[in-house]
């Protein structure tokens, strides 16, 4: 008998912040800036719940493609080492 497929649990924003070693405010900024796409989380009222693997995948993609390197006002984000400037 095969085991049923395990679905990834949705986790609170605080756990996403801990995973990336950033503040909750930073995760909220990533949401506003579109680095974390809608399909990676659900929002119920003012509460967000995230699927961490999808957030990691989205941020990895956004690091290489979403940042306009021609704009001097933007800085590149390092999601692996978030406290390091590039």
Protein backbone atom coordinates (compact mmCIF):
# COMPACT_ATOMS: atom_id res chain seq x y z
CA UNK A 1 0.00 0.00 0.00
CA UNK A 2 1.41 3.42 -0.94
CA UNK A 3 1.49 6.22 1.57
CA UNK A 4 -0.66 9.28 0.89
CA UNK A 5 1.22 12.27 -0.42
CA UNK A 6 2.24 14.63 2.36
CA UNK A 7 1.32 18.24 1.72
CA UNK A 8 3.69 20.86 2.99
CA UNK A 9 2.26 22.71 5.99
CA UNK A 10 1.64 26.44 5.89
CA UNK A 11 3.81 28.28 8.41
CA UNK A 12 3.50 31.74 10.00
CA UNK A 13 5.44 34.78 8.83
CA UNK A 14 7.65 34.61 11.93
CA UNK A 15 8.95 31.20 10.84
CA UNK A 16 9.76 32.53 7.37
CA UNK A 17 11.69 35.40 8.96
CA UNK A 18 13.59 32.97 11.20
CA UNK A 19 14.44 30.74 8.22
CA UNK A 20 16.04 33.65 6.35
CA UNK A 21 17.42 35.28 9.54
CA UNK A 22 15.59 38.54 8.84
CA UNK A 23 12.89 40.51 10.61
CA UNK A 24 9.18 40.07 10.03
CA UNK A 25 9.23 43.62 8.60
CA UNK A 26 11.67 42.44 5.93
CA UNK A 27 9.39 39.56 4.94
CA UNK A 28 6.48 42.02 4.73
CA UNK A 29 8.62 44.27 2.51
CA UNK A 30 9.40 41.31 0.25
CA UNK A 31 5.63 40.72 -0.03
CA UNK A 32 4.95 44.37 -0.94
CA UNK A 33 7.81 44.41 -3.46
CA UNK A 34 6.55 41.23 -5.13
CA UNK A 35 9.56 39.04 -4.29
CA UNK A 36 7.19 36.59 -2.60
CA UNK A 37 4.44 35.78 -5.11
CA UNK A 38 0.80 35.17 -4.21
CA UNK A 39 0.92 31.44 -4.99
CA UNK A 40 3.42 30.83 -2.16
CA UNK A 41 1.10 31.92 0.66
CA UNK A 42 -2.47 32.35 1.77
CA UNK A 43 -3.85 35.33 3.61
CA UNK A 44 -6.76 35.12 6.01
CA UNK A 45 -7.67 38.56 7.30
CA UNK A 46 -4.35 40.04 8.42
CA UNK A 47 -2.73 36.63 8.90
CA UNK A 48 -0.30 35.18 6.38
CA UNK A 49 0.67 31.50 6.10
CA UNK A 50 3.48 30.41 3.79
CA UNK A 51 4.72 27.25 2.12
CA UNK A 52 8.42 27.61 2.86
CA UNK A 53 9.76 25.55 -0.05
CA UNK A 54 7.78 27.69 -2.52
CA UNK A 55 9.00 30.91 -0.87
CA UNK A 56 12.62 29.71 -1.09
CA UNK A 57 12.14 28.82 -4.75
CA UNK A 58 10.51 32.19 -5.55
CA UNK A 59 13.20 34.18 -3.75
CA UNK A 60 15.93 32.23 -5.50
CA UNK A 61 14.34 33.05 -8.87
CA UNK A 62 13.72 36.69 -7.95
CA UNK A 63 17.32 37.15 -6.87
CA UNK A 64 18.50 36.42 -10.38
CA UNK A 65 15.68 37.94 -12.45
CA UNK A 66 13.44 40.44 -10.60
CA UNK A 67 16.03 43.03 -9.67
CA UNK A 68 16.64 45.77 -12.21
CA UNK A 69 20.40 46.17 -12.13
CA UNK A 70 20.20 49.40 -14.16
CA UNK A 71 18.50 51.21 -11.29
CA UNK A 72 21.07 52.63 -8.87
CA UNK A 73 18.44 52.98 -6.11
CA UNK A 74 17.89 49.23 -5.89
CA UNK A 75 20.23 46.89 -4.12
CA UNK A 76 20.68 43.22 -4.75
CA UNK A 77 19.34 40.94 -2.04
CA UNK A 78 21.30 37.92 -0.88
CA UNK A 79 18.71 35.49 0.49
CA UNK A 80 21.32 32.95 1.50
CA UNK A 81 23.33 35.47 3.55
CA UNK A 82 20.77 38.26 4.18
CA UNK A 83 23.04 40.31 6.44
CA UNK A 84 25.76 40.62 3.80
CA UNK A 85 25.80 43.48 1.30
CA UNK A 86 26.74 42.53 -2.24
